[in-house]
Amino acid sequence: MKTMSQQAFLQTLPDVLIPHLPLKLQSIQVRQPWRWIIQFHFGEARLHYELSRVARREAWEIGFHFESGDKQLNRFLLKGFRRHLFEIKETLGESFEAEMWDKGWTKIYEVVPAEGYTDVHQRQIGKRMAEVIICLHPIFVDLRSQAAQLKR
């Protein structure tokens, strides 16, 4: 088992996560705006999958964040995901929640234990994030299309 820094853990996570995605999702883009988080998106950086440390806990948050400047879009996406929450929990487990957040942002997420900065734990996190993206992304694509139709 190889130990690494938090920075290395996050910076190399895409190399672990992306191969777990189907080919059509491997075009996912990556950004790391701060040292303690890494984000994945498909062209709209404010609507992103995220891995971040939970403050004052030995835990990670794995989530899909809706941080658009358009609060109505963020709420629309939250409501849409809430309508699918039973099937999401059936696929990903009961730990998933969907809620309002700061600044008019919303998110769907789970909190998982942080088990050190090892390659073994990184593989677990990468695989879990891929499962989350695979489950949530088709719902997002549908909701994003609906939102675009409403804006016309």
Protein backbone atom coordinates (compact mmCIF):
# COMPACT_ATOMS: atom_id res chain seq x y z
CA MET A 1 0.00 0.00 0.00
CA LYS A 2 1.41 3.36 -1.07
CA THR A 3 0.83 6.49 1.03
CA MET A 4 0.66 9.94 -0.58
CA SER A 5 -0.11 13.54 0.35
CA GLN A 6 -3.66 14.88 0.14
CA GLN A 7 -2.58 16.98 -2.84
CA ALA A 8 -1.19 13.94 -4.69
CA PHE A 9 -4.29 11.92 -3.74
CA LEU A 10 -6.55 14.51 -5.38
CA GLN A 11 -4.32 15.37 -8.35
CA THR A 12 -3.98 11.73 -9.42
CA LEU A 13 -7.61 10.78 -8.71
CA PRO A 14 -8.69 11.44 -12.34
CA ASP A 15 -6.25 8.73 -13.51
CA VAL A 16 -8.04 6.29 -11.20
CA LEU A 17 -11.63 7.45 -11.75
CA ILE A 18 -11.86 8.00 -15.52
CA PRO A 19 -11.08 4.41 -16.58
CA HIS A 20 -14.12 3.29 -14.53
CA LEU A 21 -16.42 5.45 -16.68
CA PRO A 22 -18.00 4.25 -19.91
CA LEU A 23 -16.24 5.62 -23.00
CA LYS A 24 -18.97 8.19 -23.67
CA LEU A 25 -18.32 9.76 -20.23
CA GLN A 26 -14.51 9.66 -20.35
CA SER A 27 -14.46 13.14 -21.91
CA ILE A 28 -15.16 14.50 -18.41
CA GLN A 29 -13.14 17.61 -17.58
CA VAL A 30 -11.21 18.12 -14.35
CA ARG A 31 -10.41 21.15 -12.25
CA GLN A 32 -9.00 21.69 -8.78
CA PRO A 33 -9.95 25.20 -7.65
CA TRP A 34 -8.65 24.65 -4.08
CA ARG A 35 -6.25 22.22 -2.41
CA TRP A 36 -9.00 20.27 -0.61
CA ILE A 37 -11.36 19.57 -3.51
CA ILE A 38 -11.38 18.24 -7.03
CA GLN A 39 -14.21 18.74 -9.49
CA PHE A 40 -15.35 16.92 -12.63
CA HIS A 41 -17.72 18.37 -15.22
CA PHE A 42 -18.91 18.13 -18.81
CA GLY A 43 -18.38 21.71 -19.96
CA GLU A 44 -20.33 23.62 -17.30
CA ALA A 45 -17.81 23.97 -14.50
CA ARG A 46 -20.39 25.41 -12.09
CA LEU A 47 -22.42 22.17 -12.40
CA HIS A 48 -19.89 19.60 -11.26
CA TYR A 49 -19.20 16.35 -9.48
CA GLU A 50 -16.95 16.97 -6.53
CA LEU A 51 -14.81 15.23 -3.97
CA SER A 52 -14.04 17.43 -0.97
CA ARG A 53 -12.91 17.01 2.61
CA VAL A 54 -15.63 17.47 5.22
CA ALA A 55 -14.55 20.12 7.73
CA ARG A 56 -13.59 18.87 11.18
CA ARG A 57 -14.31 15.23 10.28
CA GLU A 58 -12.29 12.38 8.86
CA ALA A 59 -14.62 12.16 5.89
CA TRP A 60 -15.07 12.98 2.22
CA GLU A 61 -18.13 14.39 0.53
CA ILE A 62 -18.85 12.86 -2.86
CA GLY A 63 -21.45 14.95 -4.60
CA PHE A 64 -22.95 16.63 -7.60
CA HIS A 65 -23.03 20.37 -6.95
CA PHE A 66 -25.26 22.88 -8.71
CA GLU A 67 -23.43 26.17 -8.21
CA SER A 68 -24.77 28.09 -11.16
CA GLY A 69 -25.27 31.83 -10.79
CA ASP A 70 -28.88 31.05 -11.78
CA LYS A 71 -30.58 30.11 -8.50
CA GLN A 72 -33.70 28.99 -10.37
CA LEU A 73 -31.64 26.49 -12.37
CA ASN A 74 -30.01 25.19 -9.18
CA ARG A 75 -33.43 24.68 -7.57
CA PHE A 76 -34.86 23.12 -10.73
CA LEU A 77 -32.02 20.58 -10.74
CA LEU A 78 -32.45 19.90 -7.02
CA LYS A 79 -36.20 19.31 -7.43
CA GLY A 80 -35.55 17.04 -10.40
CA PHE A 81 -33.03 14.95 -8.51
CA ARG A 82 -35.34 14.77 -5.51
CA ARG A 83 -37.98 13.21 -7.78
CA HIS A 84 -35.42 10.50 -8.60
CA LEU A 85 -34.06 10.09 -5.06
CA PHE A 86 -35.70 6.71 -4.44
CA GLU A 87 -34.11 5.18 -7.53
CA ILE A 88 -30.78 6.90 -6.78
CA LYS A 89 -30.79 5.44 -3.27
CA GLU A 90 -31.73 2.06 -4.66
CA THR A 91 -28.67 2.17 -6.93
CA LEU A 92 -26.13 4.04 -4.78
CA GLY A 93 -27.37 3.40 -1.25
CA GLU A 94 -29.34 5.16 1.44
CA SER A 95 -26.54 7.60 2.26
CA PHE A 96 -27.44 9.98 -0.58
CA GLU A 97 -29.18 13.27 0.24
CA ALA A 98 -30.36 16.19 -1.88
CA GLU A 99 -30.51 19.62 -0.30
CA MET A 100 -30.29 23.38 -0.53
CA TRP A 101 -26.90 24.76 0.28
CA ASP A 102 -25.09 28.08 0.47
CA LYS A 103 -25.53 31.08 -1.90
CA GLY A 104 -28.58 29.59 -3.63
CA TRP A 105 -26.58 26.52 -4.56
CA THR A 106 -27.91 22.98 -4.25
CA LYS A 107 -26.38 19.53 -4.21
CA ILE A 108 -26.93 15.79 -4.08
CA TYR A 109 -24.25 14.01 -2.09
CA GLU A 110 -23.07 11.43 0.40
CA VAL A 111 -20.42 11.52 3.12
CA VAL A 112 -17.99 8.62 3.30
CA PRO A 113 -15.15 7.93 5.76
CA ALA A 114 -11.68 9.13 4.83
CA GLU A 115 -9.34 6.21 5.33
CA GLY A 116 -5.99 7.87 4.75
CA TYR A 117 -4.21 8.97 1.61
CA THR A 118 -3.33 5.58 0.21
CA ASP A 119 -3.54 4.16 -3.27
CA VAL A 120 -6.01 1.54 -1.96
CA HIS A 121 -8.39 4.19 -0.59
CA GLN A 122 -7.92 6.30 -3.72
CA ARG A 123 -9.07 3.35 -5.85
CA GLN A 124 -12.13 2.94 -3.61
CA ILE A 125 -12.98 6.64 -3.90
CA GLY A 126 -12.35 6.71 -7.65
CA LYS A 127 -14.57 3.70 -8.23
CA ARG A 128 -17.32 5.15 -6.03
CA MET A 129 -17.21 8.50 -7.80
CA ALA A 130 -17.47 6.71 -11.15
CA GLU A 131 -20.56 4.84 -9.86
CA VAL A 132 -22.06 8.17 -8.78
CA ILE A 133 -21.39 9.81 -12.15
CA ILE A 134 -22.75 6.81 -14.06
CA CYS A 135 -25.96 6.87 -11.99
CA LEU A 136 -26.54 10.64 -11.85
CA HIS A 137 -25.39 11.82 -15.25
CA PRO A 138 -28.31 10.49 -17.34
CA ILE A 139 -30.72 12.18 -14.91
CA PHE A 140 -28.73 15.41 -15.18
CA VAL A 141 -28.69 15.33 -18.98
CA ASP A 142 -32.47 14.95 -19.02
CA LEU A 143 -33.02 17.70 -16.44
CA ARG A 144 -30.58 20.06 -18.15
CA SER A 145 -32.44 19.55 -21.42
CA GLN A 146 -35.76 20.29 -19.71
CA ALA A 147 -34.29 23.46 -18.18
CA ALA A 148 -33.05 24.61 -21.59
CA GLN A 149 -36.53 24.05 -23.05
CA LEU A 150 -38.09 26.16 -20.29
CA LYS A 151 -35.68 29.05 -20.96
CA ARG A 152 -36.81 29.32 -24.59
